[in-house]
Each structure stands twice: as structure tokens, then as C-alpha cells.
């Protein structure tokens, strides 16, 4: 995992943000685990994914 950049990091953040939008308001770490994300990914990428999901949802 590359926490400070890289294509894999961006893809993971984007996939996580889309999963958050799909689950909807109140999405939890447990919801993301059910979507296939590991706990370490949620901890590392969750904050950025949340920011991205917010922007994506407002743009829709």
C-alpha cells in the first residue's frame, strides 16, 4: 500500500468513496468491510474517501 500517493492508493480511495455513496448517509466501517475493504484500508484511506464521497455526492 502506498499511503502517500500512487495509482493503487487513488483507486482504493475512489472505490471506497463510491461504496460510501452507495451505502448512503451513516455509512460505517462495518459497511465498508462488507463491501470488501480491510480494516487497515479503512483506517488509512477512510478520511480521504469521506472527503471525496462528499464532493462526489454534492456534484451529482
N, C-alpha and C. Protein backbone atom coordinates (compact mmCIF):
# COMPACT_ATOMS: atom_id res chain seq x y z
N UNK A 1 0.84 -1.19 0.00
CA UNK A 1 0.00 0.00 0.00
C UNK A 1 0.87 1.24 0.00
N UNK A 2 0.47 2.22 -0.72
CA UNK A 2 1.20 3.47 -0.78
C UNK A 2 0.34 4.58 -0.19
N UNK A 3 0.50 4.87 1.09
CA UNK A 3 -0.40 5.81 1.75
C UNK A 3 -0.26 7.25 1.28
N UNK A 4 0.83 7.58 0.62
CA UNK A 4 1.03 8.98 0.23
C UNK A 4 0.91 9.21 -1.26
N UNK A 5 0.31 8.31 -1.98
CA UNK A 5 0.14 8.53 -3.41
C UNK A 5 0.21 7.23 -4.17
N UNK A 6 0.22 7.34 -5.46
CA UNK A 6 0.28 6.17 -6.31
C UNK A 6 -1.10 5.80 -6.82
N UNK A 7 -1.10 5.10 -7.95
CA UNK A 7 -2.35 4.72 -8.61
C UNK A 7 -3.20 3.81 -7.73
N UNK A 8 -2.58 2.86 -7.05
CA UNK A 8 -3.34 1.94 -6.21
C UNK A 8 -4.05 2.69 -5.09
N UNK A 9 -3.37 3.66 -4.51
CA UNK A 9 -3.98 4.47 -3.45
C UNK A 9 -5.18 5.24 -3.98
N UNK A 10 -5.01 5.89 -5.12
CA UNK A 10 -6.12 6.66 -5.70
C UNK A 10 -7.29 5.76 -6.03
N UNK A 11 -7.00 4.59 -6.60
CA UNK A 11 -8.08 3.66 -6.94
C UNK A 11 -8.83 3.19 -5.70
N UNK A 12 -8.10 2.89 -4.65
CA UNK A 12 -8.74 2.44 -3.41
C UNK A 12 -9.61 3.53 -2.82
N UNK A 13 -9.11 4.76 -2.78
CA UNK A 13 -9.88 5.88 -2.25
C UNK A 13 -11.14 6.10 -3.09
N UNK A 14 -11.01 6.03 -4.40
CA UNK A 14 -12.16 6.22 -5.28
C UNK A 14 -13.19 5.11 -5.09
N UNK A 15 -12.72 3.86 -5.04
CA UNK A 15 -13.65 2.74 -4.82
C UNK A 15 -14.36 2.86 -3.47
N UNK A 16 -13.60 3.29 -2.45
CA UNK A 16 -14.19 3.43 -1.12
C UNK A 16 -15.21 4.56 -1.10
N UNK A 17 -14.91 5.66 -1.76
CA UNK A 17 -15.86 6.78 -1.82
C UNK A 17 -17.14 6.36 -2.52
N UNK A 18 -17.02 5.61 -3.60
CA UNK A 18 -18.21 5.13 -4.31
C UNK A 18 -19.02 4.17 -3.43
N UNK A 19 -18.33 3.34 -2.67
CA UNK A 19 -19.03 2.43 -1.76
C UNK A 19 -19.77 3.21 -0.69
N UNK A 20 -19.14 4.28 -0.19
CA UNK A 20 -19.79 5.12 0.83
C UNK A 20 -21.06 5.75 0.28
N UNK A 21 -20.99 6.22 -0.95
CA UNK A 21 -22.17 6.83 -1.57
C UNK A 21 -23.26 5.78 -1.77
N UNK A 22 -22.85 4.59 -2.18
CA UNK A 22 -23.81 3.51 -2.39
C UNK A 22 -24.53 3.14 -1.10
N UNK A 23 -23.79 3.07 0.00
CA UNK A 23 -24.39 2.75 1.30
C UNK A 23 -25.28 3.90 1.77
N UNK A 24 -24.80 5.11 1.56
CA UNK A 24 -25.58 6.28 1.93
C UNK A 24 -25.15 6.86 3.26
N UNK A 25 -25.90 7.86 3.68
CA UNK A 25 -25.58 8.56 4.93
C UNK A 25 -25.55 7.56 6.09
N UNK A 26 -24.59 7.73 6.95
CA UNK A 26 -24.45 6.83 8.08
C UNK A 26 -23.60 5.61 7.79
N UNK A 27 -22.89 5.63 6.66
CA UNK A 27 -22.01 4.53 6.30
C UNK A 27 -20.97 4.33 7.41
N UNK A 28 -20.78 3.08 7.83
CA UNK A 28 -19.85 2.78 8.91
C UNK A 28 -18.70 1.92 8.39
N UNK A 29 -17.70 1.75 9.23
CA UNK A 29 -16.58 0.87 8.90
C UNK A 29 -17.08 -0.55 8.65
N UNK A 30 -18.06 -0.98 9.39
CA UNK A 30 -18.62 -2.32 9.17
C UNK A 30 -19.24 -2.43 7.78
N UNK A 31 -19.92 -1.37 7.35
CA UNK A 31 -20.49 -1.36 5.99
C UNK A 31 -19.38 -1.51 4.96
N UNK A 32 -18.28 -0.80 5.17
CA UNK A 32 -17.17 -0.87 4.22
C UNK A 32 -16.50 -2.24 4.24
N UNK A 33 -16.41 -2.86 5.41
CA UNK A 33 -15.87 -4.22 5.48
C UNK A 33 -16.74 -5.18 4.68
N UNK A 34 -18.05 -5.00 4.76
CA UNK A 34 -18.97 -5.84 3.98
C UNK A 34 -18.80 -5.61 2.49
N UNK A 35 -18.28 -4.45 2.11
CA UNK A 35 -18.02 -4.14 0.70
C UNK A 35 -16.65 -4.64 0.25
N UNK A 36 -15.91 -5.26 1.17
CA UNK A 36 -14.64 -5.86 0.80
C UNK A 36 -13.39 -5.11 1.18
N UNK A 37 -13.52 -4.03 1.93
CA UNK A 37 -12.34 -3.27 2.36
C UNK A 37 -11.82 -3.84 3.68
N UNK A 38 -10.50 -3.86 3.80
CA UNK A 38 -9.86 -4.32 5.03
C UNK A 38 -9.84 -3.19 6.06
N UNK A 39 -9.70 -3.57 7.32
CA UNK A 39 -9.66 -2.59 8.41
C UNK A 39 -8.52 -1.60 8.22
N UNK A 40 -7.35 -2.08 7.80
CA UNK A 40 -6.21 -1.17 7.62
C UNK A 40 -6.47 -0.19 6.48
N UNK A 41 -7.16 -0.62 5.44
CA UNK A 41 -7.51 0.29 4.35
C UNK A 41 -8.50 1.36 4.83
N UNK A 42 -9.46 0.94 5.61
CA UNK A 42 -10.47 1.88 6.13
C UNK A 42 -9.80 2.92 7.02
N UNK A 43 -8.90 2.48 7.87
CA UNK A 43 -8.19 3.40 8.75
C UNK A 43 -7.33 4.37 7.97
N UNK A 44 -6.61 3.86 6.98
CA UNK A 44 -5.66 4.67 6.22
C UNK A 44 -6.35 5.59 5.22
N UNK A 45 -7.30 5.05 4.48
CA UNK A 45 -7.90 5.80 3.37
C UNK A 45 -9.28 6.38 3.67
N UNK A 46 -9.89 5.97 4.77
CA UNK A 46 -11.24 6.42 5.09
C UNK A 46 -11.44 7.92 5.11
N UNK A 47 -10.56 8.67 5.77
CA UNK A 47 -10.76 10.13 5.80
C UNK A 47 -10.76 10.78 4.41
N UNK A 48 -9.82 10.37 3.56
CA UNK A 48 -9.78 10.93 2.20
C UNK A 48 -10.98 10.47 1.38
N UNK A 49 -11.36 9.21 1.57
CA UNK A 49 -12.52 8.69 0.85
C UNK A 49 -13.79 9.42 1.28
N UNK A 50 -13.89 9.76 2.55
CA UNK A 50 -15.05 10.51 3.04
C UNK A 50 -15.11 11.88 2.38
N UNK A 51 -13.96 12.55 2.31
CA UNK A 51 -13.91 13.86 1.65
C UNK A 51 -14.34 13.74 0.19
N UNK A 52 -13.81 12.74 -0.50
CA UNK A 52 -14.14 12.54 -1.91
C UNK A 52 -15.62 12.20 -2.09
N UNK A 53 -16.15 11.34 -1.24
CA UNK A 53 -17.56 10.97 -1.33
C UNK A 53 -18.46 12.19 -1.15
N UNK A 54 -18.09 13.07 -0.24
CA UNK A 54 -18.86 14.29 -0.02
C UNK A 54 -18.88 15.15 -1.27
N UNK A 55 -17.71 15.33 -1.88
CA UNK A 55 -17.62 16.12 -3.10
C UNK A 55 -18.40 15.48 -4.24
N UNK A 56 -18.25 14.17 -4.38
CA UNK A 56 -18.95 13.45 -5.45
C UNK A 56 -20.47 13.53 -5.27
N UNK A 57 -20.93 13.41 -4.05
CA UNK A 57 -22.36 13.44 -3.79
C UNK A 57 -22.94 14.83 -4.07
N UNK A 58 -22.20 15.86 -3.73
CA UNK A 58 -22.66 17.23 -3.98
C UNK A 58 -22.68 17.54 -5.46
N UNK A 59 -21.76 16.93 -6.22
CA UNK A 59 -21.68 17.18 -7.66
C UNK A 59 -22.77 16.46 -8.44
N UNK A 60 -23.34 15.41 -7.84
CA UNK A 60 -24.33 14.59 -8.53
C UNK A 60 -25.68 15.27 -8.61
